[in-house]
Amino acid sequence: MSRFSSKEELLANAESARTRLDTLLAAMPDDAKLAEATDGMTTKDFVAPRTEWGRMALSWYAQAKAGGSPAVPAEGYS
């Protein structure tokens, strides 16, 4: 069962979470973003691919809503 009772509530929560993430990343010194955080990964290594997959998901949704048949994953990804 969803913890959100409306689309507006879901979107408000997503916006709030994104704002918190942006604030946290902005507060980090640049050298800390490139320092190893865990398992050889930096903060940048962790955030960048998730951002790109999020963009692709929004693109797939828009293409499907317009009646298209998007390539999932996008061309060049596996």
Protein backbone atom coordinates (compact mmCIF):
# COMPACT_ATOMS: atom_id res chain seq x y z
CA MET A 1 0.00 0.00 0.00
CA SER A 2 1.33 3.42 -0.97
CA ARG A 3 2.19 5.92 1.72
CA PHE A 4 0.90 8.69 -0.53
CA SER A 5 -2.80 9.35 -0.95
CA SER A 6 -2.50 11.55 -4.03
CA LYS A 7 -0.25 12.34 -6.96
CA GLU A 8 0.29 15.82 -5.51
CA GLU A 9 1.50 14.32 -2.22
CA LEU A 10 3.93 12.04 -4.08
CA LEU A 11 5.27 14.91 -6.18
CA ALA A 12 5.66 17.16 -3.12
CA ASN A 13 7.62 14.42 -1.35
CA ALA A 14 9.86 13.89 -4.40
CA GLU A 15 10.51 17.64 -4.67
CA SER A 16 11.34 17.84 -0.96
CA ALA A 17 13.73 14.88 -1.18
CA ARG A 18 15.44 16.39 -4.24
CA THR A 19 15.85 19.71 -2.44
CA ARG A 20 17.43 17.95 0.55
CA LEU A 21 19.83 16.07 -1.75
CA ASP A 22 20.78 19.24 -3.63
CA THR A 23 21.40 21.05 -0.34
CA LEU A 24 23.56 18.22 0.97
CA LEU A 25 25.62 18.03 -2.23
CA ALA A 26 26.05 21.82 -2.35
CA ALA A 27 27.39 21.78 1.21
CA MET A 28 30.08 19.21 0.36
CA PRO A 29 33.50 20.56 -0.62
CA ASP A 30 34.45 19.61 -4.19
CA ASP A 31 37.37 17.46 -3.04
CA ALA A 32 35.01 15.46 -0.79
CA LYS A 33 32.80 14.68 -3.80
CA LEU A 34 35.78 13.02 -5.47
CA ALA A 35 37.14 11.22 -2.40
CA GLU A 36 36.45 7.50 -2.10
CA ALA A 37 33.28 6.99 -0.06
CA THR A 38 32.90 3.20 -0.18
CA ASP A 39 33.98 0.25 -2.30
CA GLY A 40 36.15 2.48 -4.47
CA MET A 41 33.20 4.72 -5.37
CA THR A 42 33.05 8.47 -4.94
CA THR A 43 29.92 10.51 -4.33
CA LYS A 44 30.06 11.52 -7.98
CA ASP A 45 30.29 7.85 -9.05
CA PHE A 46 27.15 7.12 -7.06
CA VAL A 47 25.00 10.12 -8.03
CA ALA A 48 25.81 10.54 -11.75
CA PRO A 49 24.47 7.19 -13.06
CA ARG A 50 21.30 7.46 -10.98
CA THR A 51 20.68 10.93 -12.37
CA GLU A 52 21.09 9.68 -15.93
CA TRP A 53 18.80 6.66 -15.40
CA GLY A 54 16.20 9.02 -13.91
CA ARG A 55 16.39 11.19 -17.02
CA MET A 56 16.02 8.15 -19.23
CA ALA A 57 12.99 6.93 -17.24
CA LEU A 58 11.27 10.31 -17.71
CA SER A 59 12.07 10.14 -21.42
CA TRP A 60 10.62 6.62 -21.72
CA TYR A 61 7.48 7.75 -19.95
CA ALA A 62 7.06 10.76 -22.26
CA GLN A 63 7.64 8.62 -25.37
CA ALA A 64 5.19 5.94 -24.24
CA LYS A 65 2.57 8.54 -23.27
CA ALA A 66 2.86 10.01 -26.77
CA GLY A 67 2.14 6.56 -28.23
CA GLY A 68 5.72 5.60 -28.99
CA SER A 69 7.64 2.51 -28.07
CA PRO A 70 10.83 3.64 -26.33
CA ALA A 71 13.96 1.51 -26.30
CA VAL A 72 14.48 0.33 -22.72
CA PRO A 73 17.26 0.68 -21.80
CA ALA A 74 18.15 3.51 -24.17
CA GLU A 75 20.39 2.88 -27.16
CA GLY A 76 23.96 2.31 -26.00
CA TYR A 77 23.00 1.09 -22.49
CA SER A 78 22.67 -2.43 -21.12
